[in-house]
């Protein structure tokens, strides 16, 4: 694992959603079309010998247009490894909740943009950063034990007060209240959670799997053969009902239950 500033960066041998406390905070997806175009750009071409351009610096989405133009002419790797964008992820650091996600429903988000409380029938929010290759993880502290669906979603997902994370084709969720997993359809999975529990959400974009852990204990692989490829990247995301609350840890502080490639 490589140390970067005040946080830690994910390597392919470790699950970790990097967050660097030394970088200025940037939140919100300013232009989803540019992000979508960018995600298509960073994937390798089908032509033999083609390679993706190298990201050089942590990126605020308001600068994405200029960054895209620059990427097209770049061939050399970044000289300063400390400032180089982590391979396999797109988004600002530190990673926080994107209060501009634009989904239906009312949420109260803490000042640190890591804690959230539902304030409508079923509200959804995602993080500011997405990942498209490698192994990644984040933790969620369950502050109340009611109806919530926690996991991953793509930029294409559109949620409302009836459908949230796991209710659409490109989103996947664990629900410890009803002890089920969700991806359009639902089946029994995992164990019941309680207030004070820690849920670890793992995505392996080398193997195409999603796994959840409860208080450090693996609940088993929840999903296999998840959608991958050009334009597909996954954001940490949650949907929660009225007055339910959680707090996220994207790596700005040590994970309660560190995970490695053996999970």
Protein backbone atom coordinates (compact mmCIF):
# COMPACT_ATOMS: atom_id res chain seq x y z
CA UNK A 1 0.00 0.00 0.00
CA UNK A 2 1.33 3.42 -0.92
CA UNK A 3 1.04 6.32 1.50
CA UNK A 4 -0.15 9.58 -0.08
CA UNK A 5 -0.31 12.68 2.13
CA UNK A 6 -2.68 12.18 5.05
CA UNK A 7 -4.45 9.19 3.48
CA UNK A 8 -3.66 5.92 1.79
CA UNK A 9 -4.00 5.04 -1.86
CA UNK A 10 -5.44 1.78 -3.07
CA UNK A 11 -3.19 -0.73 -4.72
CA UNK A 12 -4.50 -3.79 -6.49
CA UNK A 13 -3.48 -5.91 -3.51
CA UNK A 14 -5.62 -3.99 -1.06
CA UNK A 15 -9.17 -2.78 -0.84
CA UNK A 16 -9.14 0.91 0.03
CA UNK A 17 -11.02 3.94 -1.24
CA UNK A 18 -8.32 6.59 -1.10
CA UNK A 19 -8.85 9.97 0.52
CA UNK A 20 -6.07 12.52 0.98
CA UNK A 21 -6.67 14.99 3.80
CA UNK A 22 -3.92 17.29 2.52
CA UNK A 23 -5.87 18.13 -0.64
CA UNK A 24 -8.51 20.89 -0.74
CA UNK A 25 -12.13 19.69 -0.59
CA UNK A 26 -14.03 19.62 -3.88
CA UNK A 27 -17.56 18.27 -3.94
CA UNK A 28 -20.25 17.68 -6.50
CA UNK A 29 -20.42 16.37 -10.03
CA UNK A 30 -20.54 19.57 -12.08
CA UNK A 31 -20.94 18.07 -15.55
CA UNK A 32 -22.08 14.46 -15.87
CA UNK A 33 -21.71 14.42 -19.67
CA UNK A 34 -18.03 15.32 -19.41
CA UNK A 35 -17.54 12.64 -16.78
CA UNK A 36 -19.28 10.07 -18.96
CA UNK A 37 -17.12 11.03 -21.96
CA UNK A 38 -14.05 10.82 -19.75
CA UNK A 39 -14.91 7.33 -18.52
CA UNK A 40 -15.06 6.15 -22.13
CA UNK A 41 -11.70 7.79 -22.76
CA UNK A 42 -9.77 6.15 -19.93
CA UNK A 43 -10.59 2.59 -20.99
CA UNK A 44 -8.20 0.87 -23.41
CA UNK A 45 -9.10 0.96 -27.09
CA UNK A 46 -10.04 -2.26 -28.86
CA UNK A 47 -7.19 -1.57 -31.31
CA UNK A 48 -4.02 -3.62 -30.62
CA UNK A 49 -1.33 -1.73 -28.77
CA UNK A 50 -3.55 1.15 -27.69
CA UNK A 51 -3.18 2.35 -24.08
CA UNK A 52 -5.19 4.80 -21.99
CA UNK A 53 -3.79 8.23 -21.23
CA UNK A 54 -2.27 8.68 -17.80
CA UNK A 55 -3.99 10.84 -15.22
CA UNK A 56 -1.63 13.32 -13.62
CA UNK A 57 -3.35 15.12 -10.77
CA UNK A 58 -6.36 14.77 -8.47
CA UNK A 59 -9.16 16.41 -10.39
CA UNK A 60 -11.98 18.73 -9.43
CA UNK A 61 -14.87 18.18 -11.78
CA UNK A 62 -15.13 21.88 -12.62
CA UNK A 63 -11.75 21.45 -14.37
CA UNK A 64 -12.76 18.29 -16.20
CA UNK A 65 -13.23 19.89 -19.63
CA UNK A 66 -9.72 21.30 -19.76
CA UNK A 67 -8.36 18.07 -18.32
CA UNK A 68 -9.95 16.03 -21.10
CA UNK A 69 -8.33 18.20 -23.75
CA UNK A 70 -4.95 17.81 -22.05
CA UNK A 71 -5.30 14.03 -21.74
CA UNK A 72 -5.54 13.63 -25.49
CA UNK A 73 -2.00 14.94 -25.97
CA UNK A 74 -0.32 13.39 -22.94
CA UNK A 75 1.99 10.40 -23.21
CA UNK A 76 4.50 10.73 -20.37
CA UNK A 77 3.67 9.63 -16.79
CA UNK A 78 3.46 12.19 -14.01
CA UNK A 79 6.82 13.15 -12.55
CA UNK A 80 5.44 13.78 -9.09
CA UNK A 81 3.94 10.52 -7.86
CA UNK A 82 2.45 12.25 -4.84
CA UNK A 83 0.15 14.30 -7.08
CA UNK A 84 -0.66 11.54 -9.57
CA UNK A 85 -4.29 10.46 -9.79
CA UNK A 86 -4.77 6.97 -8.33
CA UNK A 87 -5.06 4.43 -11.12
CA UNK A 88 -8.60 3.09 -11.41
CA UNK A 89 -10.46 5.99 -9.78
CA UNK A 90 -11.89 9.30 -10.94
CA UNK A 91 -12.81 12.15 -8.63
CA UNK A 92 -11.66 14.70 -6.10
CA UNK A 93 -9.94 14.08 -2.81
CA UNK A 94 -10.91 13.76 -0.05
CA UNK A 95 -13.79 11.50 -1.04
CA UNK A 96 -17.06 12.72 0.48
CA UNK A 97 -20.79 12.49 -0.21
CA UNK A 98 -21.99 14.34 -3.30
CA UNK A 99 -24.79 16.56 -2.02
CA UNK A 100 -25.46 17.60 -5.64
CA UNK A 101 -26.27 14.05 -6.79
CA UNK A 102 -29.68 15.29 -7.93
CA UNK A 103 -31.76 12.31 -6.85
CA UNK A 104 -35.30 12.76 -5.61
CA UNK A 105 -35.82 12.83 -1.84
CA UNK A 106 -34.64 14.99 1.02
CA UNK A 107 -31.49 14.26 3.01
CA UNK A 108 -29.67 15.97 5.84
CA UNK A 109 -25.89 15.77 5.27
CA UNK A 110 -23.39 16.51 8.04
CA UNK A 111 -20.93 19.38 7.69
CA UNK A 112 -18.11 16.92 7.03
CA UNK A 113 -20.13 15.45 4.12
CA UNK A 114 -19.71 11.94 5.57
CA UNK A 115 -22.82 11.53 7.73
CA UNK A 116 -26.34 11.46 6.31
CA UNK A 117 -29.91 11.22 7.61
CA UNK A 118 -32.93 10.37 5.47
CA UNK A 119 -35.72 12.90 5.61
CA UNK A 120 -38.23 11.56 3.09
CA UNK A 121 -39.77 8.25 2.07
CA UNK A 122 -36.65 6.85 0.41
CA UNK A 123 -33.67 9.10 -0.35
CA UNK A 124 -30.43 8.34 -2.19
CA UNK A 125 -26.98 9.88 -2.38
CA UNK A 126 -23.65 8.84 -3.88
CA UNK A 127 -20.01 9.78 -3.28
CA UNK A 128 -17.98 12.26 -5.30
CA UNK A 129 -15.59 9.62 -6.61
CA UNK A 130 -16.04 6.57 -8.84
CA UNK A 131 -13.81 3.57 -9.57
CA UNK A 132 -13.42 1.54 -12.75
CA UNK A 133 -10.68 -1.02 -12.14
CA UNK A 134 -8.89 -2.64 -9.23
CA UNK A 135 -10.16 -3.57 -5.76
CA UNK A 136 -11.87 -0.93 -3.64
CA UNK A 137 -13.68 -0.72 -0.32
CA UNK A 138 -15.34 1.70 2.04
CA UNK A 139 -17.04 1.40 5.45
CA UNK A 140 -20.40 2.53 6.74
CA UNK A 141 -21.24 2.92 10.43
CA UNK A 142 -24.89 1.95 10.94
CA UNK A 143 -26.34 4.58 13.27
CA UNK A 144 -29.90 3.24 13.08
CA UNK A 145 -31.00 -0.23 12.09
CA UNK A 146 -33.95 0.50 9.80
CA UNK A 147 -34.51 0.31 6.05
CA UNK A 148 -31.38 1.11 4.04
CA UNK A 149 -29.75 -0.22 0.87
CA UNK A 150 -25.98 0.30 0.78
CA UNK A 151 -23.60 -0.46 -2.07
CA UNK A 152 -22.51 0.78 -5.47
CA UNK A 153 -24.09 2.52 -8.47
CA UNK A 154 -23.02 3.86 -11.87
CA UNK A 155 -23.47 7.33 -13.30
CA UNK A 156 -26.43 6.03 -15.32
CA UNK A 157 -28.53 5.30 -12.24
CA UNK A 158 -31.51 7.53 -11.58
CA UNK A 159 -33.20 7.04 -8.22
CA UNK A 160 -36.51 8.32 -6.85
CA UNK A 161 -38.51 7.99 -3.63
CA UNK A 162 -39.63 4.49 -4.60
CA UNK A 163 -36.46 3.07 -6.19
CA UNK A 164 -32.96 3.36 -4.79
CA UNK A 165 -29.57 1.66 -4.80
CA UNK A 166 -30.05 -1.95 -5.91
CA UNK A 167 -33.40 -1.32 -7.60
CA UNK A 168 -31.85 -0.44 -10.98
CA UNK A 169 -29.80 -2.62 -13.38
CA UNK A 170 -26.48 -0.86 -12.72
CA UNK A 171 -26.66 -0.67 -8.93
CA UNK A 172 -26.01 -3.27 -6.25
CA UNK A 173 -26.92 -3.17 -2.56
CA UNK A 174 -26.98 -4.98 0.76
CA UNK A 175 -29.96 -4.49 3.07
CA UNK A 176 -29.29 -5.68 6.62
CA UNK A 177 -32.74 -4.67 7.81
CA UNK A 178 -34.53 -7.20 5.60
CA UNK A 179 -31.37 -9.35 5.28
CA UNK A 180 -31.36 -9.28 1.48
CA UNK A 181 -29.26 -8.24 -1.50
CA UNK A 182 -30.64 -6.14 -4.33
CA UNK A 183 -29.98 -5.80 -8.06
CA UNK A 184 -33.42 -5.22 -9.63
CA UNK A 185 -34.52 -8.51 -8.07
CA UNK A 186 -33.81 -9.50 -4.47
CA UNK A 187 -32.76 -12.66 -2.65
CA UNK A 188 -31.81 -13.57 0.93
CA UNK A 189 -28.27 -12.56 1.83
CA UNK A 190 -26.10 -11.84 4.84
CA UNK A 191 -27.04 -11.16 8.43
CA UNK A 192 -29.21 -8.64 10.24
CA UNK A 193 -27.41 -5.43 11.21
CA UNK A 194 -27.87 -3.29 14.34
CA UNK A 195 -26.97 0.24 15.35
CA UNK A 196 -23.22 0.43 15.92
CA UNK A 197 -22.35 -2.19 13.30
CA UNK A 198 -19.81 -1.56 10.54
CA UNK A 199 -20.63 -2.59 6.97
CA UNK A 200 -17.70 -2.96 4.56
CA UNK A 201 -18.57 -2.61 0.87
CA UNK A 202 -16.07 -4.21 -1.50
CA UNK A 203 -15.97 -4.15 -5.28
CA UNK A 204 -13.43 -6.13 -7.30
CA UNK A 205 -13.34 -4.68 -10.80
CA UNK A 206 -10.67 -7.12 -11.91
CA UNK A 207 -12.94 -10.11 -11.25
CA UNK A 208 -16.32 -8.38 -11.53
CA UNK A 209 -17.60 -9.15 -8.03
CA UNK A 210 -19.15 -7.30 -5.09
CA UNK A 211 -18.88 -8.52 -1.50
CA UNK A 212 -20.08 -7.15 1.84
CA UNK A 213 -18.74 -7.67 5.35
CA UNK A 214 -20.43 -7.07 8.71
CA UNK A 215 -18.09 -6.11 11.55
CA UNK A 216 -15.14 -7.55 9.63
CA UNK A 217 -16.78 -10.89 8.83
CA UNK A 218 -17.37 -11.62 5.17
CA UNK A 219 -20.99 -12.29 4.22
CA UNK A 220 -19.84 -14.00 1.04
CA UNK A 221 -19.81 -12.82 -2.54
CA UNK A 222 -23.09 -11.03 -3.18
CA UNK A 223 -22.79 -10.40 -6.92
CA UNK A 224 -20.72 -11.82 -9.76
CA UNK A 225 -20.32 -10.80 -13.40
CA UNK A 226 -21.22 -7.20 -12.64
CA UNK A 227 -21.27 -4.88 -15.62
CA UNK A 228 -17.84 -3.57 -16.61
CA UNK A 229 -16.28 -1.96 -19.65
CA UNK A 230 -16.12 1.40 -21.44
CA UNK A 231 -18.05 4.10 -19.62
CA UNK A 232 -18.78 1.95 -16.54
CA UNK A 233 -17.52 3.09 -13.16
CA UNK A 234 -19.00 2.62 -9.71
CA UNK A 235 -19.77 5.20 -7.02
CA UNK A 236 -20.31 4.34 -3.34
CA UNK A 237 -24.03 4.96 -2.78
CA UNK A 238 -26.85 4.56 -0.29
CA UNK A 239 -30.63 4.81 -0.16
CA UNK A 240 -32.31 5.20 3.21
CA UNK A 241 -35.77 5.77 4.57
CA UNK A 242 -37.05 8.50 6.87
CA UNK A 243 -34.87 9.22 9.94
CA UNK A 244 -32.39 6.43 9.15
CA UNK A 245 -28.77 7.51 9.50
CA UNK A 246 -25.23 6.35 8.77
CA UNK A 247 -21.67 7.69 8.67
CA UNK A 248 -19.22 6.86 5.87
CA UNK A 249 -15.48 6.25 6.00
CA UNK A 250 -13.85 6.51 2.58
CA UNK A 251 -10.32 6.27 3.93
CA UNK A 252 -9.70 9.71 5.42
CA UNK A 253 -9.17 7.80 8.66
CA UNK A 254 -8.07 4.17 9.09
CA UNK A 255 -10.71 1.57 8.30
CA UNK A 256 -12.08 -0.19 11.37
CA UNK A 257 -11.65 -3.53 9.61
CA UNK A 258 -8.74 -3.35 7.12
CA UNK A 259 -9.17 -5.69 4.17
CA UNK A 260 -6.72 -7.34 1.82
CA UNK A 261 -6.81 -9.36 -1.38
CA UNK A 262 -7.65 -12.55 0.51
CA UNK A 263 -11.18 -11.32 1.32
